[in-house]
Protein backbone atom coordinates (compact mmCIF):
# COMPACT_ATOMS: atom_id res chain seq x y z
CA MET A 1 39.33 11.47 -71.13
CA ARG A 2 38.60 7.78 -70.55
CA LYS A 3 35.37 7.25 -68.62
CA GLU A 4 34.99 5.25 -65.41
CA GLU A 5 33.62 2.18 -67.19
CA GLU A 6 36.62 2.08 -69.53
CA MET A 7 39.12 2.62 -66.73
CA MET A 8 37.64 -0.12 -64.56
CA LYS A 9 37.59 -2.51 -67.49
CA LEU A 10 41.28 -1.75 -68.12
CA ILE A 11 42.27 -2.14 -64.46
CA LEU A 12 40.47 -5.46 -64.12
CA GLY A 13 41.51 -6.67 -67.56
CA ILE A 14 45.20 -6.30 -66.73
CA ALA A 15 44.64 -8.17 -63.48
CA GLU A 16 42.69 -10.98 -65.12
CA GLN A 17 45.43 -11.61 -67.69
CA ASP A 18 48.36 -11.56 -65.25
CA GLU A 19 48.71 -14.76 -63.23
CA ARG A 20 50.81 -12.94 -60.64
CA ILE A 21 47.76 -10.85 -59.69
CA ARG A 22 45.35 -12.94 -57.61
CA ALA A 23 42.85 -10.37 -56.37
CA VAL A 24 41.86 -6.73 -56.75
CA TYR A 25 40.07 -4.36 -54.43
CA MET A 26 39.40 -0.63 -54.34
CA ASN A 27 39.20 1.97 -51.60
CA GLY A 28 39.14 5.76 -51.51
CA SER A 29 36.56 8.26 -52.67
CA ARG A 30 35.10 6.10 -55.43
CA THR A 31 33.85 3.66 -52.81
CA ASN A 32 32.26 6.40 -50.69
CA PRO A 33 28.57 6.95 -51.54
CA THR A 34 28.57 10.36 -49.83
CA VAL A 35 31.25 11.80 -52.13
CA PRO A 36 30.02 13.45 -55.35
CA LYS A 37 31.68 12.10 -58.48
CA ASP A 38 33.84 14.42 -60.55
CA ILE A 39 36.53 14.28 -63.22
CA PHE A 40 39.41 14.55 -60.71
CA GLN A 41 38.57 11.46 -58.66
CA ASP A 42 41.43 9.01 -58.80
CA TYR A 43 41.27 5.22 -58.73
CA ASP A 44 42.66 3.81 -55.47
CA ILE A 45 43.41 0.22 -56.47
CA VAL A 46 45.15 -2.66 -54.71
CA TYR A 47 46.52 -5.62 -56.67
CA VAL A 48 47.07 -8.63 -54.40
CA VAL A 49 50.07 -10.39 -55.93
CA THR A 50 52.10 -13.57 -55.50
CA GLU A 51 55.26 -11.44 -55.27
CA THR A 52 56.24 -7.83 -55.89
CA ALA A 53 59.82 -8.17 -57.11
CA SER A 54 59.13 -8.95 -60.76
CA PHE A 55 56.75 -5.99 -61.08
CA ILE A 56 59.34 -3.63 -59.60
CA GLN A 57 62.32 -4.95 -61.58
CA ASP A 58 60.59 -4.81 -64.98
CA GLN A 59 58.08 -1.98 -65.16
CA GLU A 60 57.07 -2.31 -68.79
CA TRP A 61 53.67 -3.60 -67.64
CA ILE A 62 52.80 -0.09 -66.43
CA ALA A 63 52.55 1.10 -70.05
CA GLU A 64 49.37 -0.93 -70.41
CA PHE A 65 47.52 1.65 -68.33
CA GLY A 66 48.20 4.46 -70.82
CA ASP A 67 50.53 7.36 -71.57
CA LEU A 68 51.93 8.99 -68.47
CA ILE A 69 52.43 12.63 -67.58
CA MET A 70 54.25 11.62 -64.42
CA ILE A 71 54.67 8.73 -62.00
CA GLN A 72 55.65 8.70 -58.35
CA GLU A 73 56.98 5.69 -56.44
CA PRO A 74 56.67 6.80 -52.80
CA ASP A 75 58.22 3.63 -51.35
CA ARG A 76 61.36 4.07 -53.43
CA LEU A 77 61.54 7.74 -52.41
CA ASP A 78 61.20 6.76 -48.75
CA GLN A 79 64.00 4.23 -49.15
CA GLY A 80 66.22 6.90 -50.68
CA LEU A 81 65.59 9.08 -47.63
CA GLY A 82 66.70 6.29 -45.33
CA ARG A 83 63.23 5.31 -44.12
CA LYS A 84 62.49 1.69 -43.40
CA VAL A 85 60.41 0.09 -46.17
CA ASN A 86 59.69 -3.48 -47.20
CA PHE A 87 59.11 -3.79 -50.93
CA GLU A 88 58.12 -7.43 -50.50
CA ARG A 89 55.00 -6.45 -48.54
CA THR A 90 53.73 -3.48 -50.53
CA TYR A 91 54.86 -1.19 -53.32
CA ALA A 92 52.90 1.77 -54.68
CA TYR A 93 52.71 3.55 -58.04
CA LEU A 94 50.93 6.91 -58.27
CA MET A 95 50.22 7.50 -61.94
CA LEU A 96 48.89 10.57 -63.75
CA PHE A 97 47.97 9.98 -67.38
CA THR A 98 47.86 12.30 -70.36
CA ASP A 99 44.05 12.06 -70.51
CA GLY A 100 43.79 13.41 -66.95
CA ASN A 101 43.00 10.12 -65.22
CA ARG A 102 44.97 9.11 -62.14
CA ILE A 103 45.50 5.65 -60.66
CA ASP A 104 47.02 5.12 -57.22
CA LEU A 105 47.98 1.47 -57.50
CA THR A 106 49.41 -0.58 -54.65
CA LEU A 107 50.96 -4.00 -55.09
CA GLN A 108 50.29 -6.03 -51.96
CA SER A 109 51.50 -9.46 -50.97
CA LEU A 110 48.96 -12.10 -49.98
CA ASP A 111 50.23 -12.16 -46.38
CA THR A 112 49.95 -8.38 -46.11
CA MET A 113 46.44 -8.48 -47.57
CA LYS A 114 45.39 -10.96 -44.88
CA GLU A 115 46.57 -8.49 -42.24
CA GLU A 116 45.15 -5.30 -43.74
CA TYR A 117 42.16 -6.13 -45.93
CA GLY A 118 38.99 -4.56 -44.60
CA GLN A 119 40.67 -2.37 -41.99
CA ASP A 120 39.57 0.59 -44.09
CA LYS A 121 35.78 0.40 -44.15
CA LEU A 122 35.81 2.18 -47.53
CA THR A 123 36.81 -1.03 -49.30
CA ILE A 124 35.12 -2.85 -52.19
CA PRO A 125 36.38 -6.18 -53.62
CA LEU A 126 36.58 -6.22 -57.43
CA LEU A 127 38.25 -9.49 -58.41
CA ASP A 128 39.11 -12.65 -56.48
CA LYS A 129 40.66 -15.54 -58.38
CA ASP A 130 41.29 -17.72 -55.31
CA ASN A 131 38.43 -16.72 -52.98
CA CYS A 132 40.96 -15.09 -50.67
CA LEU A 133 39.00 -11.89 -50.03
CA THR A 134 36.62 -12.35 -47.12
CA PRO A 135 33.12 -10.81 -47.40
CA LEU A 136 32.87 -7.23 -46.21
CA PRO A 137 29.93 -5.08 -45.09
CA LYS A 138 28.79 -2.25 -47.32
CA ALA A 139 31.45 0.43 -47.73
CA THR A 140 31.06 3.32 -45.28
CA ASP A 141 33.06 6.40 -44.30
CA VAL A 142 32.35 5.90 -40.59
CA ASP A 143 36.08 5.70 -39.84
CA TYR A 144 36.45 9.27 -41.12
CA HIS A 145 33.60 10.83 -39.14
CA VAL A 146 34.47 13.78 -36.91
CA SER A 147 35.17 12.49 -33.41
CA ARG A 148 33.27 14.00 -30.51
CA PRO A 149 35.61 16.23 -28.47
CA THR A 150 36.53 15.29 -24.93
CA GLU A 151 36.87 17.98 -22.30
CA PRO A 152 40.71 17.69 -22.31
CA SER A 153 40.84 17.92 -26.11
CA TYR A 154 38.56 20.97 -26.06
CA ILE A 155 40.70 22.66 -23.39
CA SER A 156 43.87 21.90 -25.36
CA CYS A 157 42.39 23.28 -28.58
CA THR A 158 41.19 26.56 -27.10
CA ASN A 159 44.39 27.04 -25.11
CA ASP A 160 46.65 26.41 -28.10
CA PHE A 161 44.56 28.70 -30.28
CA TRP A 162 44.89 31.73 -28.04
CA TRP A 163 48.42 31.05 -26.81
CA CYS A 164 50.02 30.65 -30.24
CA LEU A 165 48.60 33.90 -31.58
CA GLN A 166 51.19 35.81 -29.57
CA ASN A 167 53.86 34.11 -31.70
CA VAL A 168 52.08 35.21 -34.87
CA ALA A 169 51.88 38.78 -33.59
CA LYS A 170 55.58 38.72 -32.70
CA GLY A 171 56.46 37.49 -36.19
CA ILE A 172 54.50 40.29 -37.84
CA TRP A 173 56.03 42.97 -35.63
CA ARG A 174 59.53 41.66 -36.40
CA ASP A 175 58.78 41.60 -40.14
CA GLU A 176 59.44 37.84 -40.24
CA LEU A 177 56.89 36.92 -42.89
CA PRO A 178 57.71 33.18 -43.30
CA TYR A 179 57.63 32.65 -39.53
CA ALA A 180 54.40 34.62 -39.04
CA LYS A 181 52.55 32.91 -41.89
CA GLN A 182 53.65 29.41 -41.00
CA MET A 183 53.04 29.90 -37.29
CA PHE A 184 49.52 31.14 -38.01
CA GLU A 185 48.60 28.33 -40.38
CA GLU A 186 50.13 25.50 -38.35
CA THR A 187 48.96 26.54 -34.89
CA SER A 188 45.98 28.85 -34.42
CA LYS A 189 44.51 28.25 -37.88
CA SER A 190 44.90 24.52 -37.35
CA GLU A 191 42.99 24.79 -34.07
CA LEU A 192 40.30 26.84 -35.82
CA ASN A 193 39.93 24.03 -38.34
CA GLN A 194 39.55 21.53 -35.51
CA MET A 195 36.85 23.67 -33.87
CA ILE A 196 34.99 24.03 -37.15
CA ALA A 197 35.08 20.26 -37.63
CA TRP A 198 33.70 19.74 -34.12
CA TRP A 199 30.99 22.32 -34.74
CA ILE A 200 29.95 20.65 -38.01
CA GLY A 201 30.09 17.25 -36.32
CA MET A 202 27.91 18.60 -33.51
CA LYS A 203 25.28 19.72 -36.00
CA HIS A 204 25.14 16.19 -37.45
CA ASP A 205 25.40 14.18 -34.21
CA TYR A 206 29.00 13.34 -35.13
CA GLN A 207 27.87 11.11 -37.98
CA ILE A 208 29.65 13.04 -40.72
CA SER A 209 33.05 13.56 -42.30
CA THR A 210 34.47 16.95 -43.27
CA GLY A 211 36.74 15.26 -45.82
CA LYS A 212 40.49 15.09 -46.26
CA MET A 213 42.06 18.35 -45.07
CA ASN A 214 38.52 19.54 -44.27
CA LYS A 215 37.70 20.04 -47.93
CA TYR A 216 33.94 19.88 -47.25
CA PHE A 217 33.80 22.86 -44.91
CA LYS A 218 31.99 24.94 -47.52
CA ARG A 219 29.37 22.22 -47.95
CA TYR A 220 28.44 22.16 -44.27
CA LEU A 221 29.06 25.67 -42.94
CA PRO A 222 26.27 28.27 -43.17
CA PRO A 223 27.09 30.86 -45.87
CA SER A 224 27.77 33.58 -43.30
CA TYR A 225 30.29 31.41 -41.48
CA TRP A 226 31.89 30.30 -44.73
CA GLU A 227 32.35 33.94 -45.75
CA LEU A 228 34.14 34.56 -42.46
CA TYR A 229 36.29 31.49 -43.00
CA GLU A 230 37.30 32.71 -46.46
CA ARG A 231 38.50 35.93 -44.84
CA THR A 232 40.85 34.00 -42.55
CA TYR A 233 43.08 33.59 -45.61
CA SER A 234 45.24 36.58 -46.44
CA GLY A 235 48.08 37.69 -48.68
CA SER A 236 51.55 38.85 -47.72
CA HIS A 237 50.62 42.34 -46.52
CA TYR A 238 50.66 42.60 -42.76
CA GLU A 239 47.49 44.67 -42.48
CA GLN A 240 45.68 41.94 -44.41
CA MET A 241 47.18 39.38 -42.03
CA TRP A 242 46.01 41.33 -39.01
CA ASP A 243 42.51 41.58 -40.47
CA SER A 244 42.47 37.82 -41.05
CA ILE A 245 43.61 37.24 -37.46
CA VAL A 246 40.74 39.34 -36.14
CA THR A 247 38.28 37.39 -38.28
CA THR A 248 39.82 34.11 -37.19
CA CYS A 249 39.34 35.06 -33.55
CA ASP A 250 35.73 36.13 -34.14
CA LEU A 251 34.87 32.87 -35.88
CA PHE A 252 36.71 30.70 -33.37
CA ARG A 253 35.01 32.44 -30.45
CA THR A 254 31.53 31.93 -31.92
CA LEU A 255 31.96 28.28 -32.77
CA ALA A 256 33.93 27.37 -29.64
CA GLN A 257 31.19 28.75 -27.40
CA ASP A 258 28.59 26.67 -29.27
CA VAL A 259 30.72 23.53 -28.92
CA ALA A 260 31.27 24.29 -25.22
CA GLU A 261 27.55 24.60 -24.59
CA TYR A 262 26.83 21.36 -26.46
CA GLY A 263 29.53 19.41 -24.59
CA SER A 264 29.07 21.10 -21.20
CA PHE A 265 32.59 22.50 -21.39
CA THR A 266 33.87 25.86 -20.16
CA TYR A 267 35.02 28.35 -22.76
CA PRO A 268 38.13 30.32 -21.59
CA ILE A 269 36.53 33.74 -21.83
CA GLU A 270 39.26 35.45 -19.79
CA ASP A 271 42.04 34.10 -22.03
CA ASP A 272 40.02 35.31 -25.00
CA ALA A 273 39.55 38.82 -23.61
CA ARG A 274 43.15 39.26 -22.50
CA MET A 275 44.70 37.89 -25.67
CA THR A 276 42.34 39.94 -27.84
CA GLN A 277 43.49 43.08 -26.04
CA TYR A 278 47.14 41.99 -26.28
CA LEU A 279 46.86 41.39 -30.04
CA LYS A 280 45.25 44.79 -30.55
CA HIS A 281 48.09 46.39 -28.60
CA VAL A 282 50.84 44.62 -30.58
CA ARG A 283 49.15 45.54 -33.85
CA GLU A 284 49.46 49.22 -32.91
CA LEU A 285 52.95 48.87 -31.36
CA PRO A 286 55.51 51.14 -33.10
CA LYS A 287 58.38 49.42 -34.86
CA ASP A 288 60.91 51.27 -32.70
CA ALA A 289 59.19 50.32 -29.44
CA LYS A 290 61.55 49.55 -26.54
CA GLU A 291 58.89 47.85 -24.42
CA ILE A 292 55.85 45.73 -25.20
CA LEU A 293 53.58 46.92 -22.41
């Protein structure tokens, strides 16, 4: 596998030799000092170019980066789905190579660069042939820090969490596995993830990021809470799902009450108690029941 030094030399070497490429900058995890380096980190690179058309029409230049396992062109896919795209402004290539390296490369017009450069605070300039890249402060992930909850956002989160669990219970009772699983993951589990992020943010004065899709939960949760969180994932057996729901409720309740105390919010204890009893009742409800209650 090519090392970082070799990959950066290749990326910049191609840019230096191609007159169409006027500047290069990088964003993403490799610019973030808080992210540990590992072999799966990709290279999020932007080539600022005089025009994009020639790159798109003749793609032989891509071979200079190495042998590909697969490439994705998201802008072309979006166009095929009828979405509005402008290839003259930007065009992206997501490339996975046979040595395991990955480059997410965006071609960007000069005008687009002037509009967007530096908006992401995780940005580092790498090459500037025309002095077109303005100086930037040191890269920081501040834009990705957990936001402090407002009282309305806290109320919405707790309400959605408890309300949507009745849909999950209904799906299990009806033996509608896809509905029950998706409803759980996209509603109540999603609200649990939000509460965990707020709780972690609270413990760090909201000066921290939990990562894309909350991938750093394990890093910041106490081991006992992480063990509970692991148990919120279940297989396809309904008893396992019910057990994970109970654990999800226990964890949500604990963290939500801490966040409420910190933010001077009111935790909906009556909704909690009533829905907990309702879920227990539906779990024990016979399959031939003619009434719910």
